[in-house]
Amino acid sequence: MGDDALRDDVLEELGEDRIQELAGELGTDSEGARQVVAATVSALPADFGERPGDGLMSGVLARISAPVAESVAARTGVPVATVSRALELLLPVIATTLAKRRKG
């Protein structure tokens, strides 16, 4: 997906408290967490934001988690297992941010 505006919106949606929570999950500082957010947004499939229906979102998140985790791990050097746990927090926030964008 690679959208800088989306990255910024996700960071805003997370807020400092959840960025710190993400950093703790990753075993890094807030800058490291922000890098993982950027890598995650870049690793998302281009059509991720176009998927209809909130009911389908959990299935979509489950399906893309592994490939996104592998991509983020390759970009950041954070172990795949650690990234996978962090994505449990991050992917729903990204989905929420995209939903807010659609509603305008």
PDB file of N, CA and C in Angstrom:
ATOM      1  N   MET A   1       0.837  -1.181   0.000  1.00  0.00           N
ATOM      2  CA  MET A   1       0.000   0.000   0.000  1.00  0.00           C
ATOM      3  C   MET A   1       0.884   1.247   0.000  1.00  0.00           C
ATOM      4  N   GLY A   2       1.839   1.348   0.918  1.00  0.00           N
ATOM      5  CA  GLY A   2       2.860   2.378   0.901  1.00  0.00           C
ATOM      6  C   GLY A   2       2.359   3.805   0.934  1.00  0.00           C
ATOM      7  N   ASP A   3       1.436   4.154   1.755  1.00  0.00           N
ATOM      8  CA  ASP A   3       0.803   5.462   1.794  1.00  0.00           C
ATOM      9  C   ASP A   3       1.291   6.220   3.033  1.00  0.00           C
ATOM     10  N   ASP A   4       2.073   7.296   2.815  1.00  0.00           N
ATOM     11  CA  ASP A   4       2.588   8.070   3.947  1.00  0.00           C
ATOM     12  C   ASP A   4       1.474   8.718   4.757  1.00  0.00           C
ATOM     13  N   ALA A   5       0.435   9.174   4.072  1.00  0.00           N
ATOM     14  CA  ALA A   5      -0.700   9.782   4.780  1.00  0.00           C
ATOM     15  C   ALA A   5      -1.386   8.747   5.657  1.00  0.00           C
ATOM     16  N   LEU A   6      -1.520   7.514   5.147  1.00  0.00           N
ATOM     17  CA  LEU A   6      -2.122   6.452   5.955  1.00  0.00           C
ATOM     18  C   LEU A   6      -1.250   6.160   7.166  1.00  0.00           C
ATOM     19  N   ARG A   7       0.054   6.080   6.967  1.00  0.00           N
ATOM     20  CA  ARG A   7       0.965   5.856   8.094  1.00  0.00           C
ATOM     21  C   ARG A   7       0.739   6.919   9.169  1.00  0.00           C
ATOM     22  N   ASP A   8       0.683   8.181   8.749  1.00  0.00           N
ATOM     23  CA  ASP A   8       0.485   9.271   9.707  1.00  0.00           C
ATOM     24  C   ASP A   8      -0.865   9.162  10.404  1.00  0.00           C
ATOM     25  N   ASP A   9      -1.909   8.806   9.649  1.00  0.00           N
ATOM     26  CA  ASP A   9      -3.241   8.643  10.248  1.00  0.00           C
ATOM     27  C   ASP A   9      -3.258   7.498  11.260  1.00  0.00           C
ATOM     28  N   VAL A  10      -2.572   6.401  10.937  1.00  0.00           N
ATOM     29  CA  VAL A  10      -2.509   5.261  11.855  1.00  0.00           C
ATOM     30  C   VAL A  10      -1.765   5.644  13.123  1.00  0.00           C
ATOM     31  N   LEU A  11      -0.664   6.361  12.979  1.00  0.00           N
ATOM     32  CA  LEU A  11       0.085   6.804  14.166  1.00  0.00           C
ATOM     33  C   LEU A  11      -0.773   7.720  15.031  1.00  0.00           C
ATOM     34  N   GLU A  12      -1.547   8.585  14.392  1.00  0.00           N
ATOM     35  CA  GLU A  12      -2.454   9.461  15.142  1.00  0.00           C
ATOM     36  C   GLU A  12      -3.533   8.644  15.851  1.00  0.00           C
ATOM     37  N   GLU A  13      -4.097   7.666  15.141  1.00  0.00           N
ATOM     38  CA  GLU A  13      -5.134   6.801  15.724  1.00  0.00           C
ATOM     39  C   GLU A  13      -4.576   6.024  16.923  1.00  0.00           C
ATOM     40  N   LEU A  14      -3.335   5.567  16.797  1.00  0.00           N
ATOM     41  CA  LEU A  14      -2.709   4.823  17.896  1.00  0.00           C
ATOM     42  C   LEU A  14      -2.510   5.716  19.115  1.00  0.00           C
ATOM     43  N   GLY A  15      -2.012   6.915  18.902  1.00  0.00           N
ATOM     44  CA  GLY A  15      -1.691   7.798  20.021  1.00  0.00           C
ATOM     45  C   GLY A  15      -0.451   7.302  20.749  1.00  0.00           C
ATOM     46  N   GLU A  16       0.099   8.147  21.568  1.00  0.00           N
ATOM     47  CA  GLU A  16       1.362   7.819  22.254  1.00  0.00           C
ATOM     48  C   GLU A  16       1.254   6.601  23.163  1.00  0.00           C
ATOM     49  N   ASP A  17       0.146   6.456  23.866  1.00  0.00           N
ATOM     50  CA  ASP A  17       0.013   5.318  24.788  1.00  0.00           C
ATOM     51  C   ASP A  17       0.082   3.987  24.051  1.00  0.00           C
ATOM     52  N   ARG A  18      -0.634   3.890  22.942  1.00  0.00           N
ATOM     53  CA  ARG A  18      -0.628   2.619  22.201  1.00  0.00           C
ATOM     54  C   ARG A  18       0.669   2.429  21.420  1.00  0.00           C
ATOM     55  N   ILE A  19       1.323   3.524  21.023  1.00  0.00           N
ATOM     56  CA  ILE A  19       2.647   3.395  20.402  1.00  0.00           C
ATOM     57  C   ILE A  19       3.615   2.823  21.425  1.00  0.00           C
ATOM     58  N   GLN A  20       3.526   3.286  22.663  1.00  0.00           N
ATOM     59  CA  GLN A  20       4.376   2.746  23.732  1.00  0.00           C
ATOM     60  C   GLN A  20       4.043   1.273  23.993  1.00  0.00           C
ATOM     61  N   GLU A  21       2.760   0.941  23.951  1.00  0.00           N
ATOM     62  CA  GLU A  21       2.348  -0.456  24.114  1.00  0.00           C
ATOM     63  C   GLU A  21       2.929  -1.319  22.995  1.00  0.00           C
ATOM     64  N   LEU A  22       2.855  -0.816  21.780  1.00  0.00           N
ATOM     65  CA  LEU A  22       3.418  -1.516  20.630  1.00  0.00           C
ATOM     66  C   LEU A  22       4.933  -1.655  20.782  1.00  0.00           C
ATOM     67  N   ALA A  23       5.587  -0.594  21.220  1.00  0.00           N
ATOM     68  CA  ALA A  23       7.034  -0.642  21.442  1.00  0.00           C
ATOM     69  C   ALA A  23       7.389  -1.706  22.476  1.00  0.00           C
ATOM     70  N   GLY A  24       6.601  -1.791  23.530  1.00  0.00           N
ATOM     71  CA  GLY A  24       6.829  -2.816  24.549  1.00  0.00           C
ATOM     72  C   GLY A  24       6.673  -4.217  23.988  1.00  0.00           C
ATOM     73  N   GLU A  25       5.665  -4.410  23.149  1.00  0.00           N
ATOM     74  CA  GLU A  25       5.438  -5.715  22.518  1.00  0.00           C
ATOM     75  C   GLU A  25       6.608  -6.090  21.616  1.00  0.00           C
ATOM     76  N   LEU A  26       7.173  -5.075  20.963  1.00  0.00           N
ATOM     77  CA  LEU A  26       8.273  -5.297  20.033  1.00  0.00           C
ATOM     78  C   LEU A  26       9.637  -5.341  20.719  1.00  0.00           C
ATOM     79  N   GLY A  27       9.687  -4.892  21.967  1.00  0.00           N
ATOM     80  CA  GLY A  27      10.967  -4.826  22.663  1.00  0.00           C
ATOM     81  C   GLY A  27      11.860  -3.722  22.123  1.00  0.00           C
ATOM     82  N   THR A  28      11.249  -2.594  21.762  1.00  0.00           N
ATOM     83  CA  THR A  28      11.981  -1.481  21.183  1.00  0.00           C
ATOM     84  C   THR A  28      11.483  -0.180  21.803  1.00  0.00           C
ATOM     85  N   ASP A  29      11.922   0.937  21.249  1.00  0.00           N
ATOM     86  CA  ASP A  29      11.444   2.234  21.718  1.00  0.00           C
ATOM     87  C   ASP A  29      10.337   2.738  20.782  1.00  0.00           C
ATOM     88  N   SER A  30       9.836   3.940  21.053  1.00  0.00           N
ATOM     89  CA  SER A  30       8.722   4.447  20.251  1.00  0.00           C
ATOM     90  C   SER A  30       9.128   4.672  18.792  1.00  0.00           C
ATOM     91  N   GLU A  31      10.372   5.047  18.547  1.00  0.00           N
ATOM     92  CA  GLU A  31      10.820   5.216  17.157  1.00  0.00           C
ATOM     93  C   GLU A  31      10.829   3.878  16.419  1.00  0.00           C
ATOM     94  N   GLY A  32      11.259   2.822  17.094  1.00  0.00           N
ATOM     95  CA  GLY A  32      11.220   1.491  16.500  1.00  0.00           C
ATOM     96  C   GLY A  32       9.796   1.062  16.199  1.00  0.00           C
ATOM     97  N   ALA A  33       8.869   1.393  17.100  1.00  0.00           N
ATOM     98  CA  ALA A  33       7.455   1.072  16.873  1.00  0.00           C
ATOM     99  C   ALA A  33       6.929   1.829  15.667  1.00  0.00           C
ATOM    100  N   ARG A  34       7.311   3.096  15.538  1.00  0.00           N
ATOM    101  CA  ARG A  34       6.879   3.883  14.379  1.00  0.00           C
ATOM    102  C   ARG A  34       7.431   3.291  13.078  1.00  0.00           C
ATOM    103  N   GLN A  35       8.640   2.777  13.118  1.00  0.00           N
ATOM    104  CA  GLN A  35       9.217   2.134  11.929  1.00  0.00           C
ATOM    105  C   GLN A  35       8.430   0.880  11.554  1.00  0.00           C
ATOM    106  N   VAL A  36       7.999   0.136  12.557  1.00  0.00           N
ATOM    107  CA  VAL A  36       7.191  -1.053  12.286  1.00  0.00           C
ATOM    108  C   VAL A  36       5.833  -0.653  11.700  1.00  0.00           C
ATOM    109  N   VAL A  37       5.250   0.433  12.198  1.00  0.00           N
ATOM    110  CA  VAL A  37       3.994   0.923  11.621  1.00  0.00           C
ATOM    111  C   VAL A  37       4.206   1.269  10.148  1.00  0.00           C
ATOM    112  N   ALA A  38       5.274   1.999   9.847  1.00  0.00           N
ATOM    113  CA  ALA A  38       5.556   2.384   8.461  1.00  0.00           C
ATOM    114  C   ALA A  38       5.769   1.154   7.580  1.00  0.00           C
ATOM    115  N   ALA A  39       6.527   0.189   8.079  1.00  0.00           N
ATOM    116  CA  ALA A  39       6.778  -1.036   7.314  1.00  0.00           C
ATOM    117  C   ALA A  39       5.497  -1.829   7.114  1.00  0.00           C
ATOM    118  N   THR A  40       4.629  -1.833   8.115  1.00  0.00           N
ATOM    119  CA  THR A  40       3.361  -2.563   8.010  1.00  0.00           C
ATOM    120  C   THR A  40       2.460  -1.928   6.959  1.00  0.00           C
ATOM    121  N   VAL A  41       2.332  -0.614   6.998  1.00  0.00           N
ATOM    122  CA  VAL A  41       1.510   0.082   6.004  1.00  0.00           C
ATOM    123  C   VAL A  41       2.052  -0.194   4.606  1.00  0.00           C
ATOM    124  N   SER A  42       3.371  -0.178   4.455  1.00  0.00           N
ATOM    125  CA  SER A  42       3.984  -0.450   3.146  1.00  0.00           C
ATOM    126  C   SER A  42       3.757  -1.878   2.678  1.00  0.00           C
ATOM    127  N   ALA A  43       3.649  -2.804   3.622  1.00  0.00           N
ATOM    128  CA  ALA A  43       3.519  -4.223   3.280  1.00  0.00           C
ATOM    129  C   ALA A  43       2.081  -4.657   3.000  1.00  0.00           C
ATOM    130  N   LEU A  44       1.115  -3.799   3.292  1.00  0.00           N
ATOM    131  CA  LEU A  44      -0.282  -4.178   3.072  1.00  0.00           C
ATOM    132  C   LEU A  44      -0.587  -4.335   1.592  1.00  0.00           C
ATOM    133  N   PRO A  45      -1.452  -5.279   1.248  1.00  0.00           N
ATOM    134  CA  PRO A  45      -1.882  -5.407  -0.151  1.00  0.00           C
ATOM    135  C   PRO A  45      -2.554  -4.116  -0.606  1.00  0.00           C
ATOM    136  N   ALA A  46      -2.383  -3.764  -1.854  1.00  0.00           N
ATOM    137  CA  ALA A  46      -2.922  -2.508  -2.386  1.00  0.00           C
ATOM    138  C   ALA A  46      -4.428  -2.389  -2.205  1.00  0.00           C
ATOM    139  N   ASP A  47      -5.136  -3.511  -2.232  1.00  0.00           N
ATOM    140  CA  ASP A  47      -6.595  -3.452  -2.124  1.00  0.00           C
ATOM    141  C   ASP A  47      -7.099  -3.631  -0.692  1.00  0.00           C
ATOM    142  N   PHE A  48      -6.214  -3.602   0.287  1.00  0.00           N
ATOM    143  CA  PHE A  48      -6.622  -3.812   1.682  1.00  0.00           C
ATOM    144  C   PHE A  48      -7.716  -2.838   2.099  1.00  0.00           C
ATOM    145  N   GLY A  49      -7.604  -1.582   1.750  1.00  0.00           N
ATOM    146  CA  GLY A  49      -8.579  -0.579   2.151  1.00  0.00           C
ATOM    147  C   GLY A  49      -9.884  -0.646   1.388  1.00  0.00           C
ATOM    148  N   GLU A  50      -9.940  -1.459   0.336  1.00  0.00           N
ATOM    149  CA  GLU A  50     -11.149  -1.541  -0.494  1.00  0.00           C
ATOM    150  C   GLU A  50     -12.047  -2.698  -0.113  1.00  0.00           C
ATOM    151  N   ARG A  51     -11.668  -3.475   0.836  1.00  0.00           N
ATOM    152  CA  ARG A  51     -12.443  -4.667   1.193  1.00  0.00           C
ATOM    153  C   ARG A  51     -13.744  -4.245   1.869  1.00  0.00           C
ATOM    154  N   PRO A  52     -14.872  -4.724   1.391  1.00  0.00           N
ATOM    155  CA  PRO A  52     -16.161  -4.322   1.957  1.00  0.00           C
ATOM    156  C   PRO A  52     -16.531  -5.115   3.209  1.00  0.00           C
ATOM    157  N   GLY A  53     -17.340  -4.501   4.030  1.00  0.00           N
ATOM    158  CA  GLY A  53     -17.982  -5.224   5.127  1.00  0.00           C
ATOM    159  C   GLY A  53     -17.116  -5.452   6.338  1.00  0.00           C
ATOM    160  N   ASP A  54     -17.531  -4.927   7.472  1.00  0.00           N
ATOM    161  CA  ASP A  54     -16.793  -5.115   8.715  1.00  0.00           C
ATOM    162  C   ASP A  54     -16.775  -6.570   9.140  1.00  0.00           C
ATOM    163  N   GLY A  55     -17.806  -7.331   8.824  1.00  0.00           N
ATOM    164  CA  GLY A  55     -17.874  -8.721   9.224  1.00  0.00           C
ATOM    165  C   GLY A  55     -16.794  -9.573   8.586  1.00  0.00           C
ATOM    166  N   LEU A  56     -16.327  -9.163   7.440  1.00  0.00           N
ATOM    167  CA  LEU A  56     -15.280  -9.898   6.747  1.00  0.00           C
ATOM    168  C   LEU A  56     -13.884  -9.550   7.240  1.00  0.00           C
ATOM    169  N   MET A  57     -13.765  -8.466   7.986  1.00  0.00           N
ATOM    170  CA  MET A  57     -12.445  -7.950   8.333  1.00  0.00           C
ATOM    171  C   MET A  57     -11.609  -8.935   9.138  1.00  0.00           C
ATOM    172  N   SER A  58     -12.185  -9.664  10.052  1.00  0.00           N
ATOM    173  CA  SER A  58     -11.375 -10.594  10.849  1.00  0.00           C
ATOM    174  C   SER A  58     -10.769 -11.680   9.972  1.00  0.00           C
ATOM    175  N   GLY A  59     -11.515 -12.157   8.988  1.00  0.00           N
ATOM    176  CA  GLY A  59     -10.986 -13.147   8.063  1.00  0.00           C
ATOM    177  C   GLY A  59      -9.885 -12.569   7.188  1.00  0.00           C
ATOM    178  N   VAL A  60     -10.078 -11.347   6.750  1.00  0.00           N
ATOM    179  CA  VAL A  60      -9.069 -10.674   5.927  1.00  0.00           C
ATOM    180  C   VAL A  60      -7.795 -10.475   6.742  1.00  0.00           C
ATOM    181  N   LEU A  61      -7.938 -10.013   7.960  1.00  0.00           N
ATOM    182  CA  LEU A  61      -6.765  -9.786   8.810  1.00  0.00           C
ATOM    183  C   LEU A  61      -6.011 -11.087   9.053  1.00  0.00           C
ATOM    184  N   ALA A  62      -6.739 -12.160   9.290  1.00  0.00           N
ATOM    185  CA  ALA A  62      -6.085 -13.448   9.524  1.00  0.00           C
ATOM    186  C   ALA A  62      -5.327 -13.906   8.289  1.00  0.00           C
ATOM    187  N   ARG A  63      -5.905 -13.661   7.121  1.00  0.00           N
ATOM    188  CA  ARG A  63      -5.290 -14.118   5.878  1.00  0.00           C
ATOM    189  C   ARG A  63      -4.036 -13.335   5.522  1.00  0.00           C
ATOM    190  N   ILE A  64      -4.008 -12.032   5.824  1.00  0.00           N
ATOM    191  CA  ILE A  64      -2.843 -11.236   5.433  1.00  0.00           C
ATOM    192  C   ILE A  64      -1.790 -11.138   6.518  1.00  0.00           C
ATOM    193  N   SER A  65      -2.103 -11.560   7.742  1.00  0.00           N
ATOM    194  CA  SER A  65      -1.165 -11.393   8.857  1.00  0.00           C
ATOM    195  C   SER A  65       0.189 -12.036   8.605  1.00  0.00           C
ATOM    196  N   ALA A  66       0.206 -13.278   8.169  1.00  0.00           N
ATOM    197  CA  ALA A  66       1.486 -13.980   7.986  1.00  0.00           C
ATOM    198  C   ALA A  66       2.357 -13.323   6.923  1.00  0.00           C
ATOM    199  N   PRO A  67       1.833 -13.044   5.707  1.00  0.00           N
ATOM    200  CA  PRO A  67       2.699 -12.407   4.716  1.00  0.00           C
ATOM    201  C   PRO A  67       3.152 -11.006   5.129  1.00  0.00           C
ATOM    202  N   VAL A  68       2.274 -10.253   5.782  1.00  0.00           N
ATOM    203  CA  VAL A  68       2.652  -8.915   6.235  1.00  0.00           C
ATOM    204  C   VAL A  68       3.726  -9.026   7.322  1.00  0.00           C
ATOM    205  N   ALA A  69       3.560  -9.947   8.251  1.00  0.00           N
ATOM    206  CA  ALA A  69       4.556 -10.136   9.314  1.00  0.00           C
ATOM    207  C   ALA A  69       5.916 -10.490   8.731  1.00  0.00           C
ATOM    208  N   GLU A  70       5.932 -11.357   7.737  1.00  0.00           N
ATOM    209  CA  GLU A  70       7.200 -11.738   7.111  1.00  0.00           C
ATOM    210  C   GLU A  70       7.851 -10.551   6.414  1.00  0.00           C
ATOM    211  N   SER A  71       7.060  -9.753   5.723  1.00  0.00           N
ATOM    212  CA  SER A  71       7.587  -8.579   5.039  1.00  0.00           C
ATOM    213  C   SER A  71       8.123  -7.550   6.026  1.00  0.00           C
ATOM    214  N   VAL A  72       7.358  -7.293   7.088  1.00  0.00           N
ATOM    215  CA  VAL A  72       7.783  -6.326   8.093  1.00  0.00           C
ATOM    216  C   VAL A  72       9.061  -6.807   8.789  1.00  0.00           C
ATOM    217  N   ALA A  73       9.119  -8.084   9.109  1.00  0.00           N
ATOM    218  CA  ALA A  73      10.317  -8.642   9.746  1.00  0.00           C
ATOM    219  C   ALA A  73      11.537  -8.475   8.839  1.00  0.00           C
ATOM    220  N   ALA A  74      11.363  -8.719   7.550  1.00  0.00           N
ATOM    221  CA  ALA A  74      12.480  -8.568   6.612  1.00  0.00           C
ATOM    222  C   ALA A  74      12.944  -7.115   6.521  1.00  0.00           C
ATOM    223  N   ARG A  75      12.010  -6.182   6.597  1.00  0.00           N
ATOM    224  CA  ARG A  75      12.345  -4.758   6.480  1.00  0.00           C
ATOM    225  C   ARG A  75      12.949  -4.188   7.757  1.00  0.00           C
ATOM    226  N   THR A  76      12.537  -4.719   8.897  1.00  0.00           N
ATOM    227  CA  THR A  76      12.935  -4.108  10.176  1.00  0.00           C
ATOM    228  C   THR A  76      13.948  -4.921  10.966  1.00  0.00           C
ATOM    229  N   GLY A  77      14.074  -6.199  10.673  1.00  0.00           N
ATOM    230  CA  GLY A  77      14.964  -7.054  11.453  1.00  0.00           C
ATOM    231  C   GLY A  77      14.335  -7.574  12.735  1.00  0.00           C
ATOM    232  N   VAL A  78      13.085  -7.226  12.985  1.00  0.00           N
ATOM    233  CA  VAL A  78      12.363  -7.727  14.159  1.00  0.00           C
ATOM    234  C   VAL A  78      11.901  -9.145  13.835  1.00  0.00           C
ATOM    235  N   PRO A  79      12.048 -10.096  14.763  1.00  0.00           N
ATOM    236  CA  PRO A  79      11.636 -11.480  14.476  1.00  0.00           C
ATOM    237  C   PRO A  79      10.158 -11.581  14.069  1.00  0.00           C
ATOM    238  N   VAL A  80       9.881 -12.508  13.148  1.00  0.00           N
ATOM    239  CA  VAL A  80       8.528 -12.695  12.630  1.00  0.00           C
ATOM    240  C   VAL A  80       7.525 -12.937  13.760  1.00  0.00           C
ATOM    241  N   ALA A  81       7.876 -13.762  14.725  1.00  0.00           N
ATOM    242  CA  ALA A  81       6.950 -14.064  15.827  1.00  0.00           C
ATOM    243  C   ALA A  81       6.598 -12.800  16.606  1.00  0.00           C
ATOM    244  N   THR A  82       7.570 -11.937  16.807  1.00  0.00           N
ATOM    245  CA  THR A  82       7.336 -10.686  17.528  1.00  0.00           C
ATOM    246  C   THR A  82       6.451  -9.764  16.710  1.00  0.00           C
ATOM    247  N   VAL A  83       6.745  -9.657  15.428  1.00  0.00           N
ATOM    248  CA  VAL A  83       5.924  -8.816  14.550  1.00  0.00           C
ATOM    249  C   VAL A  83       4.494  -9.346  14.512  1.00  0.00           C
ATOM    250  N   SER A  84       4.332 -10.650  14.445  1.00  0.00           N
ATOM    251  CA  SER A  84       2.985 -11.244  14.404  1.00  0.00           C
ATOM    252  C   SER A  84       2.171 -10.850  15.628  1.00  0.00           C
ATOM    253  N   ARG A  85       2.787 -10.874  16.796  1.00  0.00           N
ATOM    254  CA  ARG A  85       2.070 -10.456  18.017  1.00  0.00           C
ATOM    255  C   ARG A  85       1.718  -8.976  17.950  1.00  0.00           C
ATOM    256  N   ALA A  86       2.639  -8.160  17.447  1.00  0.00           N
ATOM    257  CA  ALA A  86       2.385  -6.723  17.345  1.00  0.00           C
ATOM    258  C   ALA A  86       1.270  -6.429  16.343  1.00  0.00           C
ATOM    259  N   LEU A  87       1.183  -7.230  15.291  1.00  0.00           N
ATOM    260  CA  LEU A  87       0.142  -7.016  14.282  1.00  0.00           C
ATOM    261  C   LEU A  87      -1.252  -7.237  14.847  1.00  0.00           C
ATOM    262  N   GLU A  88      -1.365  -8.042  15.888  1.00  0.00           N
ATOM    263  CA  GLU A  88      -2.667  -8.227  16.535  1.00  0.00           C
ATOM    264  C   GLU A  88      -3.205  -6.900  17.055  1.00  0.00           C
ATOM    265  N   LEU A  89      -2.314  -6.007  17.463  1.00  0.00           N
ATOM    266  CA  LEU A  89      -2.698  -4.663  17.896  1.00  0.00           C
ATOM    267  C   LEU A  89      -2.819  -3.724  16.703  1.00  0.00           C
ATOM    268  N   LEU A  90      -1.892  -3.824  15.785  1.00  0.00           N
ATOM    269  CA  LEU A  90      -1.765  -2.831  14.729  1.00  0.00           C
ATOM    270  C   LEU A  90      -2.764  -2.974  13.584  1.00  0.00           C
ATOM    271  N   LEU A  91      -3.008  -4.176  13.102  1.00  0.00           N
ATOM    272  CA  LEU A  91      -3.893  -4.338  11.938  1.00  0.00           C
ATOM    273  C   LEU A  91      -5.326  -3.855  12.190  1.00  0.00           C
ATOM    274  N   PRO A  92      -5.913  -4.131  13.351  1.00  0.00           N
ATOM    275  CA  PRO A  92      -7.255  -3.572  13.585  1.00  0.00           C
ATOM    276  C   PRO A  92      -7.263  -2.037  13.609  1.00  0.00           C
ATOM    277  N   VAL A  93      -6.189  -1.432  14.080  1.00  0.00           N
ATOM    278  CA  VAL A  93      -6.103   0.035  14.082  1.00  0.00           C
ATOM    279  C   VAL A  93      -6.039   0.551  12.648  1.00  0.00           C
ATOM    280  N   ILE A  94      -5.276  -0.136  11.804  1.00  0.00           N
ATOM    281  CA  ILE A  94      -5.204   0.251  10.398  1.00  0.00           C
ATOM    282  C   ILE A  94      -6.582   0.114   9.751  1.00  0.00           C
ATOM    283  N   ALA A  95      -7.275  -0.971  10.029  1.00  0.00           N
ATOM    284  CA  ALA A  95      -8.609  -1.186   9.467  1.00  0.00           C
ATOM    285  C   ALA A  95      -9.571  -0.093   9.936  1.00  0.00           C
ATOM    286  N   THR A  96      -9.501   0.283  11.206  1.00  0.00           N
ATOM    287  CA  THR A  96     -10.334   1.349  11.735  1.00  0.00           C
ATOM    288  C   THR A  96     -10.032   2.676  11.048  1.00  0.00           C
ATOM    289  N   THR A  97      -8.744   2.949  10.856  1.00  0.00           N
ATOM    290  CA  THR A  97      -8.330   4.189  10.200  1.00  0.00           C
ATOM    291  C   THR A  97      -8.861   4.238   8.776  1.00  0.00           C
ATOM    292  N   LEU A  98      -8.776   3.128   8.056  1.00  0.00           N
ATOM    293  CA  LEU A  98      -9.284   3.082   6.693  1.00  0.00           C
ATOM    294  C   LEU A  98     -10.806   3.252   6.659  1.00  0.00           C
ATOM    295  N   ALA A  99     -11.499   2.666   7.625  1.00  0.00           N
ATOM    296  CA  ALA A  99     -12.950   2.813   7.699  1.00  0.00           C
ATOM    297  C   ALA A  99     -13.327   4.268   7.941  1.00  0.00           C
ATOM    298  N   LYS A 100     -12.596   4.943   8.791  1.00  0.00           N
ATOM    299  CA  LYS A 100     -12.861   6.366   9.055  1.00  0.00           C
ATOM    300  C   LYS A 100     -12.627   7.187   7.805  1.00  0.00           C
ATOM    301  N   ARG A 101     -11.602   6.845   7.042  1.00  0.00           N
ATOM    302  CA  ARG A 101     -11.331   7.562   5.792  1.00  0.00           C
ATOM    303  C   ARG A 101     -12.490   7.401   4.805  1.00  0.00           C
ATOM    304  N   ARG A 102     -13.033   6.188   4.727  1.00  0.00           N
ATOM    305  CA  ARG A 102     -14.145   5.946   3.786  1.00  0.00           C
ATOM    306  C   ARG A 102     -15.377   6.753   4.173  1.00  0.00           C
ATOM    307  N   LYS A 103     -15.610   6.886   5.474  1.00  0.00           N
ATOM    308  CA  LYS A 103     -16.783   7.619   5.936  1.00  0.00           C
ATOM    309  C   LYS A 103     -16.588   9.121   5.755  1.00  0.00           C
ATOM    310  N   GLY A 104     -15.319   9.524   5.645  1.00  0.00           N
ATOM    311  CA  GLY A 104     -14.986  10.917   5.344  1.00  0.00           C
ATOM    312  C   GLY A 104     -15.131  11.838   6.473  1.00  0.00           C
TER     313      GLY A 104
END
